[in-house]
Amino acid sequence: MRKIICVLALLVAASSVQAQPRPLTPNLTCNQARNLVLSRGQIVLGTGTYTYDRYVSDGRFCLRNEMIEPAFVPTRDTPHCPVGYTCREFELDFFGD
């Protein structure tokens, strides 16, 4: 009986956990999207129905082998809003081709 109660408690707890919807930049103003990135340091933003990316306020949120690259997203008032940066791996070209 005790096992059944524990299993039921776990099922209830698991079903109550819901994924938080990510903010969609087309529904935000440019300033709102930029402020989300700045206030959180890093955040995943939806840029369309099926598109998203992780945006950071600066290089502290990237891995050692990554560099920051300026990021622009569509917002309600600006088609190319500069929200911050994305982290991209270094691309080393040893052969110069």
PDB file of N, CA and C in Angstrom:
ATOM      1  N   MET A   1       0.828  -1.203   0.000  1.00  0.00           N
ATOM      2  CA  MET A   1       0.000   0.000   0.000  1.00  0.00           C
ATOM      3  C   MET A   1       0.867   1.260   0.000  1.00  0.00           C
ATOM      4  N   ARG A   2       1.930   1.217   0.783  1.00  0.00           N
ATOM      5  CA  ARG A   2       2.813   2.378   0.871  1.00  0.00           C
ATOM      6  C   ARG A   2       3.458   2.669  -0.484  1.00  0.00           C
ATOM      7  N   LYS A   3       3.813   1.598  -1.233  1.00  0.00           N
ATOM      8  CA  LYS A   3       4.414   1.768  -2.558  1.00  0.00           C
ATOM      9  C   LYS A   3       3.429   2.422  -3.519  1.00  0.00           C
ATOM     10  N   ILE A   4       2.181   2.023  -3.438  1.00  0.00           N
ATOM     11  CA  ILE A   4       1.159   2.599  -4.320  1.00  0.00           C
ATOM     12  C   ILE A   4       0.991   4.088  -4.039  1.00  0.00           C
ATOM     13  N   ILE A   5       0.991   4.472  -2.798  1.00  0.00           N
ATOM     14  CA  ILE A   5       0.855   5.886  -2.429  1.00  0.00           C
ATOM     15  C   ILE A   5       2.053   6.679  -2.936  1.00  0.00           C
ATOM     16  N   CYS A   6       3.256   6.124  -2.797  1.00  0.00           N
ATOM     17  CA  CYS A   6       4.459   6.812  -3.284  1.00  0.00           C
ATOM     18  C   CYS A   6       4.417   6.981  -4.801  1.00  0.00           C
ATOM     19  N   VAL A   7       3.997   5.938  -5.504  1.00  0.00           N
ATOM     20  CA  VAL A   7       3.905   6.013  -6.960  1.00  0.00           C
ATOM     21  C   VAL A   7       2.872   7.051  -7.377  1.00  0.00           C
ATOM     22  N   LEU A   8       1.727   7.056  -6.721  1.00  0.00           N
ATOM     23  CA  LEU A   8       0.698   8.045  -7.041  1.00  0.00           C
ATOM     24  C   LEU A   8       1.186   9.466  -6.764  1.00  0.00           C
ATOM     25  N   ALA A   9       1.892   9.650  -5.660  1.00  0.00           N
ATOM     26  CA  ALA A   9       2.428  10.975  -5.335  1.00  0.00           C
ATOM     27  C   ALA A   9       3.419  11.427  -6.401  1.00  0.00           C
ATOM     28  N   LEU A  10       4.266  10.519  -6.871  1.00  0.00           N
ATOM     29  CA  LEU A  10       5.222  10.867  -7.922  1.00  0.00           C
ATOM     30  C   LEU A  10       4.520  11.201  -9.233  1.00  0.00           C
ATOM     31  N   LEU A  11       3.484  10.467  -9.563  1.00  0.00           N
ATOM     32  CA  LEU A  11       2.734  10.750 -10.787  1.00  0.00           C
ATOM     33  C   LEU A  11       2.052  12.108 -10.738  1.00  0.00           C
ATOM     34  N   VAL A  12       1.486  12.443  -9.610  1.00  0.00           N
ATOM     35  CA  VAL A  12       0.838  13.749  -9.453  1.00  0.00           C
ATOM     36  C   VAL A  12       1.873  14.857  -9.554  1.00  0.00           C
ATOM     37  N   ALA A  13       3.017  14.675  -8.907  1.00  0.00           N
ATOM     38  CA  ALA A  13       4.073  15.689  -8.960  1.00  0.00           C
ATOM     39  C   ALA A  13       4.595  15.853 -10.378  1.00  0.00           C
ATOM     40  N   ALA A  14       4.789  14.761 -11.084  1.00  0.00           N
ATOM     41  CA  ALA A  14       5.301  14.828 -12.447  1.00  0.00           C
ATOM     42  C   ALA A  14       4.301  15.475 -13.393  1.00  0.00           C
ATOM     43  N   SER A  15       3.013  15.224 -13.196  1.00  0.00           N
ATOM     44  CA  SER A  15       2.017  15.796 -14.097  1.00  0.00           C
ATOM     45  C   SER A  15       1.794  17.279 -13.845  1.00  0.00           C
ATOM     46  N   SER A  16       2.158  17.761 -12.668  1.00  0.00           N
ATOM     47  CA  SER A  16       1.952  19.173 -12.375  1.00  0.00           C
ATOM     48  C   SER A  16       3.107  20.040 -12.871  1.00  0.00           C
ATOM     49  N   VAL A  17       4.213  19.405 -13.248  1.00  0.00           N
ATOM     50  CA  VAL A  17       5.349  20.152 -13.785  1.00  0.00           C
ATOM     51  C   VAL A  17       5.053  20.457 -15.235  1.00  0.00           C
ATOM     52  N   GLN A  18       5.078  21.731 -15.581  1.00  0.00           N
ATOM     53  CA  GLN A  18       4.803  22.140 -16.945  1.00  0.00           C
ATOM     54  C   GLN A  18       5.972  22.951 -17.467  1.00  0.00           C
ATOM     55  N   ALA A  19       6.257  22.788 -18.735  1.00  0.00           N
ATOM     56  CA  ALA A  19       7.311  23.581 -19.349  1.00  0.00           C
ATOM     57  C   ALA A  19       6.849  25.029 -19.447  1.00  0.00           C
ATOM     58  N   GLN A  20       7.753  25.921 -19.098  1.00  0.00           N
ATOM     59  CA  GLN A  20       7.420  27.333 -19.227  1.00  0.00           C
ATOM     60  C   GLN A  20       7.533  27.729 -20.691  1.00  0.00           C
ATOM     61  N   PRO A  21       6.527  28.404 -21.213  1.00  0.00           N
ATOM     62  CA  PRO A  21       6.629  28.821 -22.607  1.00  0.00           C
ATOM     63  C   PRO A  21       7.714  29.884 -22.756  1.00  0.00           C
ATOM     64  N   ARG A  22       8.478  29.781 -23.823  1.00  0.00           N
ATOM     65  CA  ARG A  22       9.535  30.782 -24.028  1.00  0.00           C
ATOM     66  C   ARG A  22       8.908  32.033 -24.641  1.00  0.00           C
ATOM     67  N   PRO A  23       9.423  33.194 -24.280  1.00  0.00           N
ATOM     68  CA  PRO A  23       8.896  34.433 -24.859  1.00  0.00           C
ATOM     69  C   PRO A  23       9.088  34.441 -26.374  1.00  0.00           C
ATOM     70  N   LEU A  24       8.087  34.911 -27.083  1.00  0.00           N
ATOM     71  CA  LEU A  24       8.152  35.029 -28.540  1.00  0.00           C
ATOM     72  C   LEU A  24       8.476  36.468 -28.904  1.00  0.00           C
ATOM     73  N   THR A  25       9.589  36.675 -29.571  1.00  0.00           N
ATOM     74  CA  THR A  25      10.006  38.040 -29.892  1.00  0.00           C
ATOM     75  C   THR A  25       9.039  38.783 -30.804  1.00  0.00           C
ATOM     76  N   PRO A  26       8.323  38.125 -31.735  1.00  0.00           N
ATOM     77  CA  PRO A  26       7.376  38.890 -32.554  1.00  0.00           C
ATOM     78  C   PRO A  26       6.245  39.523 -31.738  1.00  0.00           C
ATOM     79  N   ASN A  27       6.019  39.029 -30.518  1.00  0.00           N
ATOM     80  CA  ASN A  27       4.984  39.604 -29.656  1.00  0.00           C
ATOM     81  C   ASN A  27       5.527  40.704 -28.747  1.00  0.00           C
ATOM     82  N   LEU A  28       6.843  40.901 -28.736  1.00  0.00           N
ATOM     83  CA  LEU A  28       7.486  41.882 -27.852  1.00  0.00           C
ATOM     84  C   LEU A  28       7.974  43.075 -28.651  1.00  0.00           C
ATOM     85  N   THR A  29       8.144  44.201 -27.962  1.00  0.00           N
ATOM     86  CA  THR A  29       8.836  45.322 -28.599  1.00  0.00           C
ATOM     87  C   THR A  29      10.329  45.039 -28.539  1.00  0.00           C
ATOM     88  N   CYS A  30      11.083  45.772 -29.302  1.00  0.00           N
ATOM     89  CA  CYS A  30      12.530  45.604 -29.315  1.00  0.00           C
ATOM     90  C   CYS A  30      13.103  45.828 -27.911  1.00  0.00           C
ATOM     91  N   ASN A  31      12.655  46.874 -27.245  1.00  0.00           N
ATOM     92  CA  ASN A  31      13.154  47.154 -25.893  1.00  0.00           C
ATOM     93  C   ASN A  31      12.804  46.050 -24.909  1.00  0.00           C
ATOM     94  N   GLN A  32      11.619  45.471 -25.017  1.00  0.00           N
ATOM     95  CA  GLN A  32      11.232  44.380 -24.117  1.00  0.00           C
ATOM     96  C   GLN A  32      12.135  43.163 -24.339  1.00  0.00           C
ATOM     97  N   ALA A  33      12.375  42.811 -25.591  1.00  0.00           N
ATOM     98  CA  ALA A  33      13.233  41.654 -25.898  1.00  0.00           C
ATOM     99  C   ALA A  33      14.657  41.901 -25.422  1.00  0.00           C
ATOM    100  N   ARG A  34      15.180  43.087 -25.684  1.00  0.00           N
ATOM    101  CA  ARG A  34      16.544  43.429 -25.264  1.00  0.00           C
ATOM    102  C   ARG A  34      16.664  43.414 -23.750  1.00  0.00           C
ATOM    103  N   ASN A  35      15.664  43.943 -23.065  1.00  0.00           N
ATOM    104  CA  ASN A  35      15.702  43.973 -21.597  1.00  0.00           C
ATOM    105  C   ASN A  35      15.611  42.576 -20.988  1.00  0.00           C
ATOM    106  N   LEU A  36      14.896  41.653 -21.628  1.00  0.00           N
ATOM    107  CA  LEU A  36      14.868  40.270 -21.145  1.00  0.00           C
ATOM    108  C   LEU A  36      16.263  39.661 -21.164  1.00  0.00           C
ATOM    109  N   VAL A  37      16.981  39.877 -22.255  1.00  0.00           N
ATOM    110  CA  VAL A  37      18.337  39.333 -22.373  1.00  0.00           C
ATOM    111  C   VAL A  37      19.248  39.992 -21.341  1.00  0.00           C
ATOM    112  N   LEU A  38      19.172  41.293 -21.234  1.00  0.00           N
ATOM    113  CA  LEU A  38      20.041  42.009 -20.290  1.00  0.00           C
ATOM    114  C   LEU A  38      19.749  41.645 -18.837  1.00  0.00           C
ATOM    115  N   SER A  39      18.485  41.519 -18.477  1.00  0.00           N
ATOM    116  CA  SER A  39      18.147  41.263 -17.071  1.00  0.00           C
ATOM    117  C   SER A  39      18.450  39.832 -16.647  1.00  0.00           C
ATOM    118  N   ARG A  40      18.368  38.888 -17.575  1.00  0.00           N
ATOM    119  CA  ARG A  40      18.601  37.484 -17.217  1.00  0.00           C
ATOM    120  C   ARG A  40      20.005  37.006 -17.549  1.00  0.00           C
ATOM    121  N   GLY A  41      20.702  37.740 -18.397  1.00  0.00           N
ATOM    122  CA  GLY A  41      22.046  37.329 -18.783  1.00  0.00           C
ATOM    123  C   GLY A  41      22.046  36.319 -19.914  1.00  0.00           C
ATOM    124  N   GLN A  42      21.153  35.347 -19.836  1.00  0.00           N
ATOM    125  CA  GLN A  42      20.979  34.360 -20.897  1.00  0.00           C
ATOM    126  C   GLN A  42      19.533  33.900 -20.901  1.00  0.00           C
ATOM    127  N   ILE A  43      18.997  33.694 -22.092  1.00  0.00           N
ATOM    128  CA  ILE A  43      17.595  33.292 -22.193  1.00  0.00           C
ATOM    129  C   ILE A  43      17.354  32.673 -23.568  1.00  0.00           C
ATOM    130  N   VAL A  44      16.437  31.726 -23.621  1.00  0.00           N
ATOM    131  CA  VAL A  44      16.005  31.166 -24.895  1.00  0.00           C
ATOM    132  C   VAL A  44      14.759  31.934 -25.318  1.00  0.00           C
ATOM    133  N   LEU A  45      14.834  32.509 -26.506  1.00  0.00           N
ATOM    134  CA  LEU A  45      13.718  33.281 -27.049  1.00  0.00           C
ATOM    135  C   LEU A  45      13.209  32.611 -28.315  1.00  0.00           C
ATOM    136  N   GLY A  46      11.905  32.551 -28.452  1.00  0.00           N
ATOM    137  CA  GLY A  46      11.304  32.088 -29.689  1.00  0.00           C
ATOM    138  C   GLY A  46      11.264  33.244 -30.670  1.00  0.00           C
ATOM    139  N   THR A  47      11.687  32.975 -31.904  1.00  0.00           N
ATOM    140  CA  THR A  47      11.688  34.027 -32.918  1.00  0.00           C
ATOM    141  C   THR A  47      10.621  33.790 -33.978  1.00  0.00           C
ATOM    142  N   GLY A  48       9.926  32.687 -33.863  1.00  0.00           N
ATOM    143  CA  GLY A  48       8.856  32.315 -34.769  1.00  0.00           C
ATOM    144  C   GLY A  48       8.156  31.094 -34.200  1.00  0.00           C
ATOM    145  N   THR A  49       7.227  30.555 -34.950  1.00  0.00           N
ATOM    146  CA  THR A  49       6.453  29.415 -34.461  1.00  0.00           C
ATOM    147  C   THR A  49       7.346  28.233 -34.105  1.00  0.00           C
ATOM    148  N   TYR A  50       8.325  27.925 -34.945  1.00  0.00           N
ATOM    149  CA  TYR A  50       9.174  26.753 -34.721  1.00  0.00           C
ATOM    150  C   TYR A  50      10.650  27.100 -34.606  1.00  0.00           C
ATOM    151  N   THR A  51      10.979  28.372 -34.421  1.00  0.00           N
ATOM    152  CA  THR A  51      12.385  28.777 -34.347  1.00  0.00           C
ATOM    153  C   THR A  51      12.686  29.431 -33.015  1.00  0.00           C
ATOM    154  N   TYR A  52      13.876  29.157 -32.520  1.00  0.00           N
ATOM    155  CA  TYR A  52      14.314  29.727 -31.253  1.00  0.00           C
ATOM    156  C   TYR A  52      15.828  29.668 -31.189  1.00  0.00           C
ATOM    157  N   ASP A  53      16.390  30.406 -30.250  1.00  0.00           N
ATOM    158  CA  ASP A  53      17.825  30.362 -30.018  1.00  0.00           C
ATOM    159  C   ASP A  53      18.091  30.864 -28.609  1.00  0.00           C
ATOM    160  N   ARG A  54      19.296  30.659 -28.164  1.00  0.00           N
ATOM    161  CA  ARG A  54      19.734  31.132 -26.850  1.00  0.00           C
ATOM    162  C   ARG A  54      20.495  32.432 -27.059  1.00  0.00           C
ATOM    163  N   TYR A  55      20.103  33.457 -26.323  1.00  0.00           N
ATOM    164  CA  TYR A  55      20.724  34.770 -26.443  1.00  0.00           C
ATOM    165  C   TYR A  55      21.375  35.136 -25.119  1.00  0.00           C
ATOM    166  N   VAL A  56      22.518  35.810 -25.206  1.00  0.00           N
ATOM    167  CA  VAL A  56      23.277  36.178 -24.010  1.00  0.00           C
ATOM    168  C   VAL A  56      23.570  37.665 -24.027  1.00  0.00           C
ATOM    169  N   SER A  57      23.801  38.201 -22.820  1.00  0.00           N
ATOM    170  CA  SER A  57      24.106  39.630 -22.713  1.00  0.00           C
ATOM    171  C   SER A  57      25.581  39.920 -22.958  1.00  0.00           C
ATOM    172  N   ASP A  58      26.451  38.931 -22.700  1.00  0.00           N
ATOM    173  CA  ASP A  58      27.887  39.108 -22.932  1.00  0.00           C
ATOM    174  C   ASP A  58      28.584  37.753 -22.926  1.00  0.00           C
ATOM    175  N   GLY A  59      29.883  37.758 -23.147  1.00  0.00           N
ATOM    176  CA  GLY A  59      30.663  36.539 -23.283  1.00  0.00           C
ATOM    177  C   GLY A  59      30.771  35.677 -22.045  1.00  0.00           C
ATOM    178  N   ARG A  60      30.407  36.191 -20.875  1.00  0.00           N
ATOM    179  CA  ARG A  60      30.471  35.379 -19.651  1.00  0.00           C
ATOM    180  C   ARG A  60      29.560  34.169 -19.717  1.00  0.00           C
ATOM    181  N   PHE A  61      28.567  34.204 -20.564  1.00  0.00           N
ATOM    182  CA  PHE A  61      27.587  33.130 -20.651  1.00  0.00           C
ATOM    183  C   PHE A  61      27.910  32.122 -21.758  1.00  0.00           C
ATOM    184  N   CYS A  62      29.063  32.266 -22.365  1.00  0.00           N
ATOM    185  CA  CYS A  62      29.503  31.338 -23.408  1.00  0.00           C
ATOM    186  C   CYS A  62      30.560  30.392 -22.836  1.00  0.00           C
ATOM    187  N   LEU A  63      30.757  29.274 -23.524  1.00  0.00           N
ATOM    188  CA  LEU A  63      31.799  28.337 -23.138  1.00  0.00           C
ATOM    189  C   LEU A  63      33.158  28.874 -23.549  1.00  0.00           C
ATOM    190  N   ARG A  64      34.215  28.260 -23.034  1.00  0.00           N
ATOM    191  CA  ARG A  64      35.572  28.731 -23.327  1.00  0.00           C
ATOM    192  C   ARG A  64      35.907  28.685 -24.817  1.00  0.00           C
ATOM    193  N   ASN A  65      35.368  27.717 -25.526  1.00  0.00           N
ATOM    194  CA  ASN A  65      35.676  27.585 -26.952  1.00  0.00           C
ATOM    195  C   ASN A  65      34.675  28.341 -27.832  1.00  0.00           C
ATOM    196  N   GLU A  66      33.941  29.257 -27.236  1.00  0.00           N
ATOM    197  CA  GLU A  66      32.949  30.028 -27.985  1.00  0.00           C
ATOM    198  C   GLU A  66      33.248  31.513 -27.925  1.00  0.00           C
ATOM    199  N   MET A  67      32.759  32.210 -28.906  1.00  0.00           N
ATOM    200  CA  MET A  67      32.863  33.663 -28.953  1.00  0.00           C
ATOM    201  C   MET A  67      31.467  34.225 -29.156  1.00  0.00           C
ATOM    202  N   ILE A  68      31.281  35.498 -28.838  1.00  0.00           N
ATOM    203  CA  ILE A  68      29.970  36.107 -29.028  1.00  0.00           C
ATOM    204  C   ILE A  68      29.842  36.643 -30.451  1.00  0.00           C
ATOM    205  N   GLU A  69      28.613  36.592 -30.921  1.00  0.00           N
ATOM    206  CA  GLU A  69      28.278  37.107 -32.244  1.00  0.00           C
ATOM    207  C   GLU A  69      27.010  37.940 -32.090  1.00  0.00           C
ATOM    208  N   PRO A  70      26.981  39.168 -32.603  1.00  0.00           N
ATOM    209  CA  PRO A  70      25.768  39.985 -32.467  1.00  0.00           C
ATOM    210  C   PRO A  70      24.539  39.259 -32.999  1.00  0.00           C
ATOM    211  N   ALA A  71      23.442  39.414 -32.282  1.00  0.00           N
ATOM    212  CA  ALA A  71      22.206  38.719 -32.646  1.00  0.00           C
ATOM    213  C   ALA A  71      21.080  39.723 -32.878  1.00  0.00           C
ATOM    214  N   PHE A  72      20.321  39.466 -33.917  1.00  0.00           N
ATOM    215  CA  PHE A  72      19.187  40.307 -34.283  1.00  0.00           C
ATOM    216  C   PHE A  72      17.959  39.416 -34.434  1.00  0.00           C
ATOM    217  N   VAL A  73      16.838  39.860 -33.886  1.00  0.00           N
ATOM    218  CA  VAL A  73      15.598  39.084 -33.942  1.00  0.00           C
ATOM    219  C   VAL A  73      14.455  39.975 -34.416  1.00  0.00           C
ATOM    220  N   PRO A  74      13.411  39.354 -34.981  1.00  0.00           N
ATOM    221  CA  PRO A  74      12.231  40.139 -35.346  1.00  0.00           C
ATOM    222  C   PRO A  74      11.393  40.438 -34.105  1.00  0.00           C
ATOM    223  N   THR A  75      10.979  41.684 -33.964  1.00  0.00           N
ATOM    224  CA  THR A  75      10.099  42.064 -32.860  1.00  0.00           C
ATOM    225  C   THR A  75       8.879  42.783 -33.438  1.00  0.00           C
ATOM    226  N   ARG A  76       7.961  43.097 -32.560  1.00  0.00           N
ATOM    227  CA  ARG A  76       6.711  43.744 -32.989  1.00  0.00           C
ATOM    228  C   ARG A  76       6.960  45.072 -33.697  1.00  0.00           C
ATOM    229  N   ASP A  77       7.989  45.808 -33.272  1.00  0.00           N
ATOM    230  CA  ASP A  77       8.220  47.133 -33.833  1.00  0.00           C
ATOM    231  C   ASP A  77       9.489  47.267 -34.676  1.00  0.00           C
ATOM    232  N   THR A  78      10.301  46.212 -34.734  1.00  0.00           N
ATOM    233  CA  THR A  78      11.565  46.279 -35.466  1.00  0.00           C
ATOM    234  C   THR A  78      11.857  44.932 -36.119  1.00  0.00           C
ATOM    235  N   PRO A  79      12.099  44.883 -37.425  1.00  0.00           N
ATOM    236  CA  PRO A  79      12.362  43.595 -38.067  1.00  0.00           C
ATOM    237  C   PRO A  79      13.720  42.988 -37.704  1.00  0.00           C
ATOM    238  N   HIS A  80      14.694  43.817 -37.306  1.00  0.00           N
ATOM    239  CA  HIS A  80      16.040  43.340 -36.960  1.00  0.00           C
ATOM    240  C   HIS A  80      16.502  43.995 -35.666  1.00  0.00           C
ATOM    241  N   CYS A  81      15.917  43.570 -34.556  1.00  0.00           N
ATOM    242  CA  CYS A  81      16.226  44.166 -33.261  1.00  0.00           C
ATOM    243  C   CYS A  81      17.511  43.559 -32.683  1.00  0.00           C
ATOM    244  N   PRO A  82      18.479  44.407 -32.305  1.00  0.00           N
ATOM    245  CA  PRO A  82      19.711  43.898 -31.692  1.00  0.00           C
ATOM    246  C   PRO A  82      19.474  43.550 -30.211  1.00  0.00           C
ATOM    247  N   VAL A  83      19.240  42.270 -29.917  1.00  0.00           N
ATOM    248  CA  VAL A  83      18.897  41.864 -28.549  1.00  0.00           C
ATOM    249  C   VAL A  83      20.105  41.536 -27.689  1.00  0.00           C
ATOM    250  N   GLY A  84      21.227  41.302 -28.291  1.00  0.00           N
ATOM    251  CA  GLY A  84      22.421  40.895 -27.547  1.00  0.00           C
ATOM    252  C   GLY A  84      23.295  40.051 -28.439  1.00  0.00           C
ATOM    253  N   TYR A  85      23.640  38.845 -27.950  1.00  0.00           N
ATOM    254  CA  TYR A  85      24.582  38.001 -28.674  1.00  0.00           C
ATOM    255  C   TYR A  85      24.155  36.537 -28.632  1.00  0.00           C
ATOM    256  N   THR A  86      24.705  35.770 -29.549  1.00  0.00           N
ATOM    257  CA  THR A  86      24.637  34.318 -29.473  1.00  0.00           C
ATOM    258  C   THR A  86      26.066  33.823 -29.302  1.00  0.00           C
ATOM    259  N   CYS A  87      26.216  32.640 -28.750  1.00  0.00           N
ATOM    260  CA  CYS A  87      27.531  32.021 -28.574  1.00  0.00           C
ATOM    261  C   CYS A  87      27.790  31.107 -29.759  1.00  0.00           C
ATOM    262  N   ARG A  88      28.928  31.283 -30.401  1.00  0.00           N
ATOM    263  CA  ARG A  88      29.305  30.454 -31.544  1.00  0.00           C
ATOM    264  C   ARG A  88      30.711  29.905 -31.314  1.00  0.00           C
ATOM    265  N   GLU A  89      30.928  28.654 -31.751  1.00  0.00           N
ATOM    266  CA  GLU A  89      32.251  28.053 -31.614  1.00  0.00           C
ATOM    267  C   GLU A  89      33.248  28.779 -32.497  1.00  0.00           C
ATOM    268  N   PHE A  90      34.503  28.843 -32.016  1.00  0.00           N
ATOM    269  CA  PHE A  90      35.573  29.392 -32.832  1.00  0.00           C
ATOM    270  C   PHE A  90      35.726  28.532 -34.070  1.00  0.00           C
ATOM    271  N   GLU A  91      35.914  29.156 -35.200  1.00  0.00           N
ATOM    272  CA  GLU A  91      36.200  28.424 -36.420  1.00  0.00           C
ATOM    273  C   GLU A  91      37.625  28.768 -36.820  1.00  0.00           C
ATOM    274  N   LEU A  92      38.527  27.840 -36.546  1.00  0.00           N
ATOM    275  CA  LEU A  92      39.935  28.061 -36.864  1.00  0.00           C
ATOM    276  C   LEU A  92      40.226  27.529 -38.259  1.00  0.00           C
ATOM    277  N   ASP A  93      40.885  28.327 -39.045  1.00  0.00           N
ATOM    278  CA  ASP A  93      41.235  27.946 -40.405  1.00  0.00           C
ATOM    279  C   ASP A  93      42.751  27.794 -40.464  1.00  0.00           C
ATOM    280  N   PHE A  94      43.225  26.562 -40.321  1.00  0.00           N
ATOM    281  CA  PHE A  94      44.669  26.311 -40.298  1.00  0.00           C
ATOM    282  C   PHE A  94      45.280  26.283 -41.691  1.00  0.00           C
ATOM    283  N   PHE A  95      44.490  26.069 -42.705  1.00  0.00           N
ATOM    284  CA  PHE A  95      45.035  25.866 -44.033  1.00  0.00           C
ATOM    285  C   PHE A  95      44.805  27.044 -44.967  1.00  0.00           C
ATOM    286  N   GLY A  96      44.080  28.032 -44.502  1.00  0.00           N
ATOM    287  CA  GLY A  96      43.891  29.258 -45.268  1.00  0.00           C
ATOM    288  C   GLY A  96      43.194  29.082 -46.604  1.00  0.00           C
ATOM    289  N   ASP A  97      42.254  28.156 -46.692  1.00  0.00           N
ATOM    290  CA  ASP A  97      41.565  27.994 -47.962  1.00  0.00           C
ATOM    291  C   ASP A  97      40.321  28.770 -47.985  1.00  0.00           C
TER     292      ASP A  97
END
